[in-house]
C-alpha atoms as a PDB file:
ATOM      1  CA  UNK A   1      34.525 -43.718 -30.144  1.00  0.00           C
ATOM      2  CA  UNK A   2      34.912 -40.095 -30.025  1.00  0.00           C
ATOM      3  CA  UNK A   3      37.224 -38.296 -27.338  1.00  0.00           C
ATOM      4  CA  UNK A   4      37.871 -34.699 -26.478  1.00  0.00           C
ATOM      5  CA  UNK A   5      40.797 -33.259 -24.558  1.00  0.00           C
ATOM      6  CA  UNK A   6      40.879 -30.479 -22.219  1.00  0.00           C
ATOM      7  CA  UNK A   7      44.371 -28.479 -21.706  1.00  0.00           C
ATOM      8  CA  UNK A   8      45.621 -29.476 -25.081  1.00  0.00           C
ATOM      9  CA  UNK A   9      48.295 -26.822 -25.371  1.00  0.00           C
ATOM     10  CA  UNK A  10      50.650 -28.614 -22.176  1.00  0.00           C
ATOM     11  CA  UNK A  11      53.144 -31.665 -22.913  1.00  0.00           C
ATOM     12  CA  UNK A  12      50.628 -34.364 -21.528  1.00  0.00           C
ATOM     13  CA  UNK A  13      47.769 -33.037 -23.931  1.00  0.00           C
ATOM     14  CA  UNK A  14      50.454 -32.935 -27.053  1.00  0.00           C
ATOM     15  CA  UNK A  15      51.397 -36.533 -26.040  1.00  0.00           C
ATOM     16  CA  UNK A  16      47.843 -37.497 -25.923  1.00  0.00           C
ATOM     17  CA  UNK A  17      47.357 -36.066 -29.506  1.00  0.00           C
ATOM     18  CA  UNK A  18      50.382 -37.919 -30.945  1.00  0.00           C
ATOM     19  CA  UNK A  19      48.757 -41.194 -29.586  1.00  0.00           C
ATOM     20  CA  UNK A  20      45.483 -40.565 -30.313  1.00  0.00           C
ATOM     21  CA  UNK A  21      46.258 -39.583 -34.117  1.00  0.00           C
ATOM     22  CA  UNK A  22      46.689 -43.157 -34.955  1.00  0.00           C
ATOM     23  CA  UNK A  23      44.536 -44.935 -32.253  1.00  0.00           C
ATOM     24  CA  UNK A  24      42.554 -47.573 -34.187  1.00  0.00           C
ATOM     25  CA  UNK A  25      39.439 -46.745 -32.101  1.00  0.00           C
ATOM     26  CA  UNK A  26      39.542 -43.451 -30.572  1.00  0.00           C
ATOM     27  CA  UNK A  27      38.786 -40.402 -32.968  1.00  0.00           C
ATOM     28  CA  UNK A  28      39.600 -36.933 -31.512  1.00  0.00           C
ATOM     29  CA  UNK A  29      36.435 -35.122 -31.718  1.00  0.00           C
ATOM     30  CA  UNK A  30      37.588 -31.796 -30.100  1.00  0.00           C
ATOM     31  CA  UNK A  31      40.492 -30.088 -28.248  1.00  0.00           C
ATOM     32  CA  UNK A  32      40.119 -27.412 -25.631  1.00  0.00           C
ATOM     33  CA  UNK A  33      42.171 -24.698 -24.324  1.00  0.00           C
ATOM     34  CA  UNK A  34      41.971 -21.292 -22.935  1.00  0.00           C
ATOM     35  CA  UNK A  35      43.349 -20.222 -26.145  1.00  0.00           C
ATOM     36  CA  UNK A  36      40.311 -20.879 -28.437  1.00  0.00           C
ATOM     37  CA  UNK A  37      40.010 -20.343 -32.064  1.00  0.00           C
ATOM     38  CA  UNK A  38      43.917 -20.858 -32.201  1.00  0.00           C
ATOM     39  CA  UNK A  39      45.238 -23.494 -34.845  1.00  0.00           C
ATOM     40  CA  UNK A  40      46.908 -26.429 -32.816  1.00  0.00           C
ATOM     41  CA  UNK A  41      49.622 -26.346 -35.255  1.00  0.00           C
ATOM     42  CA  UNK A  42      50.423 -22.454 -34.379  1.00  0.00           C
ATOM     43  CA  UNK A  43      50.912 -23.697 -30.675  1.00  0.00           C
ATOM     44  CA  UNK A  44      52.671 -26.998 -31.757  1.00  0.00           C
ATOM     45  CA  UNK A  45      54.651 -26.500 -35.320  1.00  0.00           C
ATOM     46  CA  UNK A  46      55.343 -30.061 -35.361  1.00  0.00           C
ATOM     47  CA  UNK A  47      51.364 -31.038 -35.856  1.00  0.00           C
ATOM     48  CA  UNK A  48      51.742 -28.885 -39.349  1.00  0.00           C
ATOM     49  CA  UNK A  49      49.824 -30.754 -42.206  1.00  0.00           C
ATOM     50  CA  UNK A  50      49.055 -33.256 -39.538  1.00  0.00           C
ATOM     51  CA  UNK A  51      46.207 -32.133 -37.506  1.00  0.00           C
ATOM     52  CA  UNK A  52      44.194 -28.897 -38.495  1.00  0.00           C
ATOM     53  CA  UNK A  53      41.906 -28.860 -35.683  1.00  0.00           C
ATOM     54  CA  UNK A  54      41.406 -25.615 -33.683  1.00  0.00           C
ATOM     55  CA  UNK A  55      41.228 -24.802 -29.931  1.00  0.00           C
ATOM     56  CA  UNK A  56      37.707 -24.562 -28.719  1.00  0.00           C
ATOM     57  CA  UNK A  57      36.535 -22.971 -25.620  1.00  0.00           C
ATOM     58  CA  UNK A  58      35.328 -25.609 -22.427  1.00  0.00           C
ATOM     59  CA  UNK A  59      32.017 -26.095 -22.590  1.00  0.00           C
ATOM     60  CA  UNK A  60      31.146 -29.510 -20.954  1.00  0.00           C
ATOM     61  CA  UNK A  61      27.554 -29.677 -22.095  1.00  0.00           C
ATOM     62  CA  UNK A  62      28.679 -29.950 -25.642  1.00  0.00           C
ATOM     63  CA  UNK A  63      31.468 -31.944 -25.280  1.00  0.00           C
ATOM     64  CA  UNK A  64      29.512 -34.684 -23.052  1.00  0.00           C
ATOM     65  CA  UNK A  65      27.313 -34.663 -25.948  1.00  0.00           C
ATOM     66  CA  UNK A  66      29.392 -35.473 -28.688  1.00  0.00           C
ATOM     67  CA  UNK A  67      32.116 -37.449 -26.991  1.00  0.00           C
ATOM     68  CA  UNK A  68      32.386 -40.536 -24.981  1.00  0.00           C
ATOM     69  CA  UNK A  69      35.402 -39.784 -23.081  1.00  0.00           C
ATOM     70  CA  UNK A  70      37.277 -36.642 -22.055  1.00  0.00           C
ATOM     71  CA  UNK A  71      40.961 -36.511 -21.031  1.00  0.00           C
ATOM     72  CA  UNK A  72      41.525 -33.516 -18.432  1.00  0.00           C
ATOM     73  CA  UNK A  73      45.126 -32.636 -19.394  1.00  0.00           C
ATOM     74  CA  UNK A  74      44.932 -29.463 -17.123  1.00  0.00           C
ATOM     75  CA  UNK A  75      46.589 -28.224 -13.912  1.00  0.00           C
ATOM     76  CA  UNK A  76      46.183 -29.142 -10.550  1.00  0.00           C
ATOM     77  CA  UNK A  77      43.365 -26.961  -9.062  1.00  0.00           C
ATOM     78  CA  UNK A  78      41.522 -26.853 -12.487  1.00  0.00           C
ATOM     79  CA  UNK A  79      41.064 -30.344 -13.136  1.00  0.00           C
ATOM     80  CA  UNK A  80      38.954 -31.258 -10.083  1.00  0.00           C
ATOM     81  CA  UNK A  81      36.489 -28.268 -10.817  1.00  0.00           C
ATOM     82  CA  UNK A  82      36.078 -29.586 -14.460  1.00  0.00           C
ATOM     83  CA  UNK A  83      35.440 -33.117 -13.345  1.00  0.00           C
ATOM     84  CA  UNK A  84      32.580 -32.126 -11.362  1.00  0.00           C
ATOM     85  CA  UNK A  85      31.204 -29.861 -14.477  1.00  0.00           C
ATOM     86  CA  UNK A  86      31.084 -33.320 -16.173  1.00  0.00           C
ATOM     87  CA  UNK A  87      29.681 -35.441 -13.251  1.00  0.00           C
ATOM     88  CA  UNK A  88      26.238 -37.093 -14.410  1.00  0.00           C
ATOM     89  CA  UNK A  89      26.637 -35.769 -17.962  1.00  0.00           C
ATOM     90  CA  UNK A  90      27.159 -39.527 -18.941  1.00  0.00           C
ATOM     91  CA  UNK A  91      30.820 -39.216 -20.099  1.00  0.00           C
ATOM     92  CA  UNK A  92      34.161 -40.828 -18.931  1.00  0.00           C
ATOM     93  CA  UNK A  93      36.428 -38.612 -17.524  1.00  0.00           C
ATOM     94  CA  UNK A  94      40.334 -39.441 -17.100  1.00  0.00           C
ATOM     95  CA  UNK A  95      41.748 -36.924 -15.204  1.00  0.00           C
ATOM     96  CA  UNK A  96      45.513 -36.887 -15.614  1.00  0.00           C
ATOM     97  CA  UNK A  97      46.089 -34.105 -12.673  1.00  0.00           C
ATOM     98  CA  UNK A  98      46.585 -34.687  -9.102  1.00  0.00           C
ATOM     99  CA  UNK A  99      43.114 -33.107  -7.913  1.00  0.00           C
ATOM    100  CA  UNK A 100      41.357 -36.685  -7.312  1.00  0.00           C
ATOM    101  CA  UNK A 101      44.376 -39.198  -6.187  1.00  0.00           C
ATOM    102  CA  UNK A 102      44.259 -38.135  -2.268  1.00  0.00           C
ATOM    103  CA  UNK A 103      42.082 -37.106   0.231  1.00  0.00           C
ATOM    104  CA  UNK A 104      41.215 -33.563   0.842  1.00  0.00           C
ATOM    105  CA  UNK A 105      43.258 -32.878   3.920  1.00  0.00           C
ATOM    106  CA  UNK A 106      46.226 -34.284   2.451  1.00  0.00           C
ATOM    107  CA  UNK A 107      45.446 -32.105  -0.619  1.00  0.00           C
ATOM    108  CA  UNK A 108      45.233 -29.133   0.896  1.00  0.00           C
ATOM    109  CA  UNK A 109      48.444 -29.819   2.799  1.00  0.00           C
ATOM    110  CA  UNK A 110      50.756 -30.890  -0.096  1.00  0.00           C
ATOM    111  CA  UNK A 111      48.948 -29.331  -3.360  1.00  0.00           C
ATOM    112  CA  UNK A 112      48.167 -25.818  -1.473  1.00  0.00           C
ATOM    113  CA  UNK A 113      45.245 -25.549  -3.476  1.00  0.00           C
ATOM    114  CA  UNK A 114      41.004 -26.047  -2.819  1.00  0.00           C
ATOM    115  CA  UNK A 115      40.473 -29.626  -2.642  1.00  0.00           C
ATOM    116  CA  UNK A 116      37.575 -31.255  -5.268  1.00  0.00           C
ATOM    117  CA  UNK A 117      34.421 -32.550  -4.066  1.00  0.00           C
ATOM    118  CA  UNK A 118      34.750 -35.017  -1.748  1.00  0.00           C
ATOM    119  CA  UNK A 119      32.269 -37.059  -3.159  1.00  0.00           C
ATOM    120  CA  UNK A 120      34.132 -37.119  -6.518  1.00  0.00           C
ATOM    121  CA  UNK A 121      37.438 -38.033  -4.981  1.00  0.00           C
ATOM    122  CA  UNK A 122      35.820 -40.930  -3.407  1.00  0.00           C
ATOM    123  CA  UNK A 123      34.560 -42.218  -6.927  1.00  0.00           C
ATOM    124  CA  UNK A 124      37.530 -42.021  -8.910  1.00  0.00           C
ATOM    125  CA  UNK A 125      39.246 -45.001  -9.279  1.00  0.00           C
ATOM    126  CA  UNK A 126      43.285 -44.768  -9.160  1.00  0.00           C
ATOM    127  CA  UNK A 127      44.250 -45.614 -12.792  1.00  0.00           C
ATOM    128  CA  UNK A 128      47.353 -47.625 -12.166  1.00  0.00           C
ATOM    129  CA  UNK A 129      46.566 -50.021 -14.820  1.00  0.00           C
ATOM    130  CA  UNK A 130      48.640 -52.869 -14.019  1.00  0.00           C
ATOM    131  CA  UNK A 131      47.229 -52.902 -10.177  1.00  0.00           C
ATOM    132  CA  UNK A 132      43.470 -51.677 -10.465  1.00  0.00           C
ATOM    133  CA  UNK A 133      42.598 -53.356 -13.992  1.00  0.00           C
ATOM    134  CA  UNK A 134      39.149 -54.684 -12.564  1.00  0.00           C
ATOM    135  CA  UNK A 135      38.171 -51.429 -10.995  1.00  0.00           C
ATOM    136  CA  UNK A 136      38.912 -49.476 -14.473  1.00  0.00           C
ATOM    137  CA  UNK A 137      37.044 -51.603 -16.377  1.00  0.00           C
ATOM    138  CA  UNK A 138      33.941 -50.356 -14.806  1.00  0.00           C
ATOM    139  CA  UNK A 139      34.788 -46.932 -13.749  1.00  0.00           C
ATOM    140  CA  UNK A 140      33.359 -43.662 -14.798  1.00  0.00           C
ATOM    141  CA  UNK A 141      35.891 -41.590 -13.521  1.00  0.00           C
ATOM    142  CA  UNK A 142      39.758 -42.372 -13.405  1.00  0.00           C
ATOM    143  CA  UNK A 143      42.470 -40.348 -11.551  1.00  0.00           C
ATOM    144  CA  UNK A 144      45.473 -41.127 -13.986  1.00  0.00           C
ATOM    145  CA  UNK A 145      48.469 -41.919 -11.216  1.00  0.00           C
ATOM    146  CA  UNK A 146      51.349 -39.275 -11.141  1.00  0.00           C
ATOM    147  CA  UNK A 147      54.597 -39.896 -13.072  1.00  0.00           C
ATOM    148  CA  UNK A 148      56.793 -40.245 -10.236  1.00  0.00           C
ATOM    149  CA  UNK A 149      54.346 -42.665  -8.272  1.00  0.00           C
ATOM    150  CA  UNK A 150      53.675 -44.771 -11.453  1.00  0.00           C
ATOM    151  CA  UNK A 151      57.385 -45.399 -11.665  1.00  0.00           C
ATOM    152  CA  UNK A 152      58.139 -45.968  -7.721  1.00  0.00           C
ATOM    153  CA  UNK A 153      54.936 -47.739  -7.195  1.00  0.00           C
ATOM    154  CA  UNK A 154      55.196 -50.473 -10.549  1.00  0.00           C
ATOM    155  CA  UNK A 155      58.933 -50.904  -8.945  1.00  0.00           C
ATOM    156  CA  UNK A 156      57.964 -51.573  -5.498  1.00  0.00           C
ATOM    157  CA  UNK A 157      54.466 -53.243  -5.434  1.00  0.00           C
ATOM    158  CA  UNK A 158      55.555 -56.834  -5.853  1.00  0.00           C
ATOM    159  CA  UNK A 159      58.257 -56.388  -3.007  1.00  0.00           C
ATOM    160  CA  UNK A 160      55.758 -54.723  -0.507  1.00  0.00           C
ATOM    161  CA  UNK A 161      52.493 -56.755  -1.302  1.00  0.00           C
ATOM    162  CA  UNK A 162      54.444 -60.030  -0.855  1.00  0.00           C
ATOM    163  CA  UNK A 163      56.105 -58.871   2.492  1.00  0.00           C
ATOM    164  CA  UNK A 164      59.578 -59.161   1.015  1.00  0.00           C
ATOM    165  CA  UNK A 165      60.864 -55.886   2.444  1.00  0.00           C
ATOM    166  CA  UNK A 166      60.335 -54.344   6.057  1.00  0.00           C
ATOM    167  CA  UNK A 167      57.461 -51.470   6.001  1.00  0.00           C
ATOM    168  CA  UNK A 168      59.673 -49.202   7.599  1.00  0.00           C
ATOM    169  CA  UNK A 169      63.016 -46.964   6.285  1.00  0.00           C
ATOM    170  CA  UNK A 170      61.579 -47.278   2.471  1.00  0.00           C
ATOM    171  CA  UNK A 171      63.488 -44.613   0.550  1.00  0.00           C
ATOM    172  CA  UNK A 172      62.572 -43.683  -3.076  1.00  0.00           C
ATOM    173  CA  UNK A 173      65.369 -41.770  -4.937  1.00  0.00           C
ATOM    174  CA  UNK A 174      63.874 -40.493  -8.066  1.00  0.00           C
ATOM    175  CA  UNK A 175      65.227 -38.260 -10.987  1.00  0.00           C
ATOM    176  CA  UNK A 176      62.907 -36.866 -13.993  1.00  0.00           C
ATOM    177  CA  UNK A 177      63.481 -34.946 -17.251  1.00  0.00           C
ATOM    178  CA  UNK A 178      62.566 -31.307 -17.516  1.00  0.00           C
ATOM    179  CA  UNK A 179      59.349 -31.437 -19.303  1.00  0.00           C
ATOM    180  CA  UNK A 180      57.941 -33.128 -15.990  1.00  0.00           C
ATOM    181  CA  UNK A 181      57.822 -29.294 -14.642  1.00  0.00           C
ATOM    182  CA  UNK A 182      55.403 -28.714 -17.803  1.00  0.00           C
ATOM    183  CA  UNK A 183      55.853 -25.556 -20.185  1.00  0.00           C
ATOM    184  CA  UNK A 184      55.374 -22.729 -17.938  1.00  0.00           C
ATOM    185  CA  UNK A 185      58.850 -20.525 -17.625  1.00  0.00           C
ATOM    186  CA  UNK A 186      61.133 -20.845 -14.498  1.00  0.00           C
ATOM    187  CA  UNK A 187      64.291 -20.315 -13.555  1.00  0.00           C
ATOM    188  CA  UNK A 188      65.129 -23.876 -12.551  1.00  0.00           C
ATOM    189  CA  UNK A 189      64.159 -25.446 -15.874  1.00  0.00           C
ATOM    190  CA  UNK A 190      65.602 -22.642 -18.371  1.00  0.00           C
ATOM    191  CA  UNK A 191      68.314 -24.088 -20.390  1.00  0.00           C
ATOM    192  CA  UNK A 192      70.903 -22.273 -18.955  1.00  0.00           C
ATOM    193  CA  UNK A 193      70.275 -23.369 -15.285  1.00  0.00           C
ATOM    194  CA  UNK A 194      69.194 -27.213 -16.148  1.00  0.00           C
ATOM    195  CA  UNK A 195      71.893 -27.976 -18.765  1.00  0.00           C
ATOM    196  CA  UNK A 196      74.901 -29.672 -17.483  1.00  0.00           C
ATOM    197  CA  UNK A 197      73.422 -29.623 -13.870  1.00  0.00           C
ATOM    198  CA  UNK A 198      71.728 -31.933 -11.481  1.00  0.00           C
ATOM    199  CA  UNK A 199      69.262 -30.354  -9.111  1.00  0.00           C
ATOM    200  CA  UNK A 200      67.313 -31.730  -6.034  1.00  0.00           C
ATOM    201  CA  UNK A 201      64.227 -30.075  -5.287  1.00  0.00           C
ATOM    202  CA  UNK A 202      61.041 -30.300  -2.973  1.00  0.00           C
ATOM    203  CA  UNK A 203      63.390 -32.360  -0.524  1.00  0.00           C
ATOM    204  CA  UNK A 204      60.871 -34.030   1.891  1.00  0.00           C
ATOM    205  CA  UNK A 205      58.114 -32.236   0.414  1.00  0.00           C
ATOM    206  CA  UNK A 206      56.967 -33.280  -2.970  1.00  0.00           C
ATOM    207  CA  UNK A 207      53.187 -33.644  -3.494  1.00  0.00           C
ATOM    208  CA  UNK A 208      53.475 -37.051  -4.891  1.00  0.00           C
ATOM    209  CA  UNK A 209      54.588 -38.151  -1.437  1.00  0.00           C
ATOM    210  CA  UNK A 210      51.338 -38.930  -0.012  1.00  0.00           C
ATOM    211  CA  UNK A 211      50.351 -40.430  -3.440  1.00  0.00           C
ATOM    212  CA  UNK A 212      52.692 -43.334  -3.089  1.00  0.00           C
ATOM    213  CA  UNK A 213      52.683 -43.789   0.683  1.00  0.00           C
ATOM    214  CA  UNK A 214      48.369 -44.223   0.069  1.00  0.00           C
ATOM    215  CA  UNK A 215      48.787 -47.120  -2.382  1.00  0.00           C
ATOM    216  CA  UNK A 216      51.650 -48.751  -0.459  1.00  0.00           C
ATOM    217  CA  UNK A 217      49.311 -48.824   2.433  1.00  0.00           C
ATOM    218  CA  UNK A 218      46.727 -50.776   0.127  1.00  0.00           C
ATOM    219  CA  UNK A 219      49.225 -53.620  -0.484  1.00  0.00           C
ATOM    220  CA  UNK A 220      50.683 -53.816   3.087  1.00  0.00           C
ATOM    221  CA  UNK A 221      48.662 -51.520   5.548  1.00  0.00           C
ATOM    222  CA  UNK A 222      51.613 -51.206   7.895  1.00  0.00           C
ATOM    223  CA  UNK A 223      53.950 -49.232   5.604  1.00  0.00           C
ATOM    224  CA  UNK A 224      55.686 -46.476   7.588  1.00  0.00           C
ATOM    225  CA  UNK A 225      56.114 -43.154   5.865  1.00  0.00           C
ATOM    226  CA  UNK A 226      58.570 -43.319   3.422  1.00  0.00           C
ATOM    227  CA  UNK A 227      61.709 -41.155   2.399  1.00  0.00           C
ATOM    228  CA  UNK A 228      61.096 -39.480  -1.296  1.00  0.00           C
ATOM    229  CA  UNK A 229      63.618 -37.494  -2.741  1.00  0.00           C
ATOM    230  CA  UNK A 230      63.283 -35.786  -6.573  1.00  0.00           C
ATOM    231  CA  UNK A 231      65.736 -34.495  -8.628  1.00  0.00           C
ATOM    232  CA  UNK A 232      65.789 -32.562 -12.068  1.00  0.00           C
ATOM    233  CA  UNK A 233      67.806 -34.259 -14.837  1.00  0.00           C
ATOM    234  CA  UNK A 234      69.153 -32.283 -17.518  1.00  0.00           C
ATOM    235  CA  UNK A 235      67.048 -34.218 -20.473  1.00  0.00           C
ATOM    236  CA  UNK A 236      64.124 -33.735 -22.013  1.00  0.00           C
ATOM    237  CA  UNK A 237      61.941 -36.872 -20.865  1.00  0.00           C
ATOM    238  CA  UNK A 238      62.381 -39.780 -19.026  1.00  0.00           C
ATOM    239  CA  UNK A 239      62.093 -40.934 -14.933  1.00  0.00           C
ATOM    240  CA  UNK A 240      64.643 -42.921 -13.333  1.00  0.00           C
ATOM    241  CA  UNK A 241      63.336 -44.418  -9.713  1.00  0.00           C
ATOM    242  CA  UNK A 242      65.838 -46.324  -7.558  1.00  0.00           C
ATOM    243  CA  UNK A 243      64.090 -47.853  -4.600  1.00  0.00           C
ATOM    244  CA  UNK A 244      65.685 -49.129  -1.365  1.00  0.00           C
ATOM    245  CA  UNK A 245      64.104 -51.394   1.453  1.00  0.00           C
ATOM    246  CA  UNK A 246      65.583 -53.929   3.883  1.00  0.00           C
ATOM    247  CA  UNK A 247      64.597 -57.597   2.867  1.00  0.00           C
ATOM    248  CA  UNK A 248      62.530 -59.365   5.886  1.00  0.00           C
ATOM    249  CA  UNK A 249      64.981 -62.566   5.423  1.00  0.00           C
ATOM    250  CA  UNK A 250      67.728 -63.645   3.224  1.00  0.00           C
ATOM    251  CA  UNK A 251      66.681 -63.713  -0.835  1.00  0.00           C
ATOM    252  CA  UNK A 252      68.699 -64.291  -3.765  1.00  0.00           C
ATOM    253  CA  UNK A 253      68.140 -61.640  -6.828  1.00  0.00           C
ATOM    254  CA  UNK A 254      67.142 -64.575  -8.976  1.00  0.00           C
ATOM    255  CA  UNK A 255      64.297 -65.586  -6.581  1.00  0.00           C
ATOM    256  CA  UNK A 256      62.862 -61.918  -6.485  1.00  0.00           C
ATOM    257  CA  UNK A 257      63.250 -61.778 -10.260  1.00  0.00           C
ATOM    258  CA  UNK A 258      61.130 -64.861 -10.597  1.00  0.00           C
ATOM    259  CA  UNK A 259      58.619 -63.394  -8.447  1.00  0.00           C
ATOM    260  CA  UNK A 260      58.477 -59.703 -10.530  1.00  0.00           C
ATOM    261  CA  UNK A 261      58.394 -61.859 -13.853  1.00  0.00           C
ATOM    262  CA  UNK A 262      55.252 -63.998 -12.345  1.00  0.00           C
ATOM    263  CA  UNK A 263      53.326 -60.635 -10.851  1.00  0.00           C
ATOM    264  CA  UNK A 264      54.146 -58.862 -14.421  1.00  0.00           C
ATOM    265  CA  UNK A 265      53.711 -61.758 -16.998  1.00  0.00           C
ATOM    266  CA  UNK A 266      50.593 -60.858 -18.422  1.00  0.00           C
ATOM    267  CA  UNK A 267      51.144 -56.831 -18.185  1.00  0.00           C
ATOM    268  CA  UNK A 268      52.394 -56.116 -21.769  1.00  0.00           C
ATOM    269  CA  UNK A 269      53.964 -53.096 -20.742  1.00  0.00           C
ATOM    270  CA  UNK A 270      56.424 -54.250 -17.660  1.00  0.00           C
ATOM    271  CA  UNK A 271      59.679 -55.403 -18.973  1.00  0.00           C
ATOM    272  CA  UNK A 272      61.635 -57.370 -15.933  1.00  0.00           C
ATOM    273  CA  UNK A 273      64.962 -57.291 -17.058  1.00  0.00           C
ATOM    274  CA  UNK A 274      67.292 -60.492 -16.526  1.00  0.00           C
ATOM    275  CA  UNK A 275      69.858 -60.459 -13.345  1.00  0.00           C
ATOM    276  CA  UNK A 276      72.598 -58.055 -13.359  1.00  0.00           C
ATOM    277  CA  UNK A 277      70.901 -55.924 -15.893  1.00  0.00           C
ATOM    278  CA  UNK A 278      69.578 -52.484 -15.561  1.00  0.00           C
ATOM    279  CA  UNK A 279      67.320 -50.156 -17.234  1.00  0.00           C
ATOM    280  CA  UNK A 280      68.159 -46.560 -18.554  1.00  0.00           C
ATOM    281  CA  UNK A 281      65.661 -43.794 -19.638  1.00  0.00           C
ATOM    282  CA  UNK A 282      66.760 -43.858 -23.244  1.00  0.00           C
ATOM    283  CA  UNK A 283      65.383 -47.469 -23.302  1.00  0.00           C
ATOM    284  CA  UNK A 284      61.914 -46.427 -23.026  1.00  0.00           C
ATOM    285  CA  UNK A 285      61.537 -43.012 -24.312  1.00  0.00           C
ATOM    286  CA  UNK A 286      58.566 -42.271 -26.541  1.00  0.00           C
ATOM    287  CA  UNK A 287      56.937 -45.697 -25.331  1.00  0.00           C
ATOM    288  CA  UNK A 288      54.215 -46.679 -22.672  1.00  0.00           C
ATOM    289  CA  UNK A 289      57.034 -49.341 -21.251  1.00  0.00           C
ATOM    290  CA  UNK A 290      58.340 -49.183 -17.542  1.00  0.00           C
ATOM    291  CA  UNK A 291      61.301 -51.432 -17.477  1.00  0.00           C
ATOM    292  CA  UNK A 292      62.658 -52.662 -13.844  1.00  0.00           C
ATOM    293  CA  UNK A 293      65.908 -53.888 -12.752  1.00  0.00           C
ATOM    294  CA  UNK A 294      66.436 -55.427  -9.383  1.00  0.00           C
ATOM    295  CA  UNK A 295      69.021 -56.645  -7.008  1.00  0.00           C
ATOM    296  CA  UNK A 296      69.290 -58.245  -3.727  1.00  0.00           C
ATOM    297  CA  UNK A 297      72.296 -57.435  -2.029  1.00  0.00           C
ATOM    298  CA  UNK A 298      73.361 -60.018   0.373  1.00  0.00           C
ATOM    299  CA  UNK A 299      75.726 -57.858   2.082  1.00  0.00           C
ATOM    300  CA  UNK A 300      73.366 -55.340   3.299  1.00  0.00           C
ATOM    301  CA  UNK A 301      69.987 -57.501   3.225  1.00  0.00           C
ATOM    302  CA  UNK A 302      68.625 -54.791   1.562  1.00  0.00           C
ATOM    303  CA  UNK A 303      66.616 -54.864  -1.941  1.00  0.00           C
ATOM    304  CA  UNK A 304      67.522 -52.327  -4.839  1.00  0.00           C
ATOM    305  CA  UNK A 305      64.802 -51.851  -7.336  1.00  0.00           C
ATOM    306  CA  UNK A 306      65.431 -49.574 -10.511  1.00  0.00           C
ATOM    307  CA  UNK A 307      62.363 -48.541 -12.608  1.00  0.00           C
ATOM    308  CA  UNK A 308      62.619 -46.160 -15.766  1.00  0.00           C
ATOM    309  CA  UNK A 309      59.549 -44.953 -17.571  1.00  0.00           C
ATOM    310  CA  UNK A 310      58.897 -41.916 -19.773  1.00  0.00           C
ATOM    311  CA  UNK A 311      57.262 -39.388 -17.674  1.00  0.00           C
ATOM    312  CA  UNK A 312      54.963 -38.279 -20.493  1.00  0.00           C
ATOM    313  CA  UNK A 313      54.210 -41.602 -21.631  1.00  0.00           C
ATOM    314  CA  UNK A 314      53.571 -44.055 -18.906  1.00  0.00           C
ATOM    315  CA  UNK A 315      54.156 -41.357 -16.686  1.00  0.00           C
ATOM    316  CA  UNK A 316      51.135 -39.397 -18.096  1.00  0.00           C
ATOM    317  CA  UNK A 317      49.204 -39.691 -21.351  1.00  0.00           C
ATOM    318  CA  UNK A 318      50.273 -43.254 -22.505  1.00  0.00           C
ATOM    319  CA  UNK A 319      48.821 -44.641 -19.275  1.00  0.00           C
ATOM    320  CA  UNK A 320      45.572 -42.352 -19.691  1.00  0.00           C
ATOM    321  CA  UNK A 321      44.946 -44.172 -23.166  1.00  0.00           C
ATOM    322  CA  UNK A 322      46.031 -47.472 -21.604  1.00  0.00           C
ATOM    323  CA  UNK A 323      43.053 -46.689 -18.939  1.00  0.00           C
ATOM    324  CA  UNK A 324      40.623 -45.497 -21.629  1.00  0.00           C
ATOM    325  CA  UNK A 325      41.180 -48.675 -23.537  1.00  0.00           C
ATOM    326  CA  UNK A 326      40.656 -50.972 -20.568  1.00  0.00           C
ATOM    327  CA  UNK A 327      37.464 -48.580 -19.581  1.00  0.00           C
ATOM    328  CA  UNK A 328      36.271 -49.042 -23.128  1.00  0.00           C
ATOM    329  CA  UNK A 329      36.433 -52.960 -23.415  1.00  0.00           C
ATOM    330  CA  UNK A 330      39.563 -52.394 -25.744  1.00  0.00           C
ATOM    331  CA  UNK A 331      42.742 -54.462 -25.789  1.00  0.00           C
ATOM    332  CA  UNK A 332      44.811 -52.087 -23.404  1.00  0.00           C
ATOM    333  CA  UNK A 333      47.735 -51.801 -25.585  1.00  0.00           C
ATOM    334  CA  UNK A 334      45.727 -50.509 -28.381  1.00  0.00           C
ATOM    335  CA  UNK A 335      47.355 -47.691 -29.764  1.00  0.00           C
ATOM    336  CA  UNK A 336      50.216 -47.580 -27.662  1.00  0.00           C
ATOM    337  CA  UNK A 337      52.757 -50.431 -29.887  1.00  0.00           C
ATOM    338  CA  UNK A 338      55.405 -47.684 -29.804  1.00  0.00           C
ATOM    339  CA  UNK A 339      58.967 -48.942 -29.968  1.00  0.00           C
ATOM    340  CA  UNK A 340      61.087 -46.761 -27.802  1.00  0.00           C
ATOM    341  CA  UNK A 341      63.240 -44.172 -29.540  1.00  0.00           C
ATOM    342  CA  UNK A 342      66.588 -44.996 -29.537  1.00  0.00           C
ATOM    343  CA  UNK A 343      69.371 -43.306 -29.597  1.00  0.00           C
END
């Protein structure tokens, strides 16, 4: 099965190449960027002698003719336009940007870009693999979730859906490695600024806020606005999300763990940790796993959920390939059996 990647020079595109290079069913037919005719190894030297493809210009008709799936690893504001160009051409589209995740009104407010075509957004299936599997199977257009929402939603979903927690006052405190900011240069992501530092950013203004709230409301329509705070960690990759919510009644940690294990028992990339054990980002680096630890505090009546992912894998390229597998009728873990890098 042939696939193409647009936006190959970003970190998400590079991670797609790493995954797909050894995928048992997908063949990378073409890679695309504005830097056309450039050998990919000149952009990413680690690919020298491994991949000899040149970057090509974006030609939707040609791509649709030669490939079954196209991954859009382009920035928000660009992907939505490309997705429309592929509409009706008989090729499946997986968009890694935020362009198709939320309605136009919210998109304008939070992303500050011109929104994608409203009909296109309405047809896109939200690709949170573990929770929208049946919709993804028959989808032609996938909106891949954001990195922060993936971590937060996988951690909160069972508790919110089963009414274990109050629908008001949910707090999501999240921290990401620098690769989450992409390859573009900025002062805050430079080595001198980020090294040995911890910085909060976009306080109560992060564009992933409405995406998280939208999905929580699907599981429980009365969920109120959340408090979502993001921080930049001085590490390359990884997200740790700590979520807090008031329990609706007294539960033990063991009871909540039993629920989480039951909900995720058939999902190969979710690892629910034993009681009094909590995950760290190093334990999922380079993999498609999401590790989750929970604790019910009898003193405060509050639930704490800690979830970790690799932002470039489960938070982007890994989940995109997982969705491509599901769309194609393959084992959803095909090509994604990476053991986490350690140390």
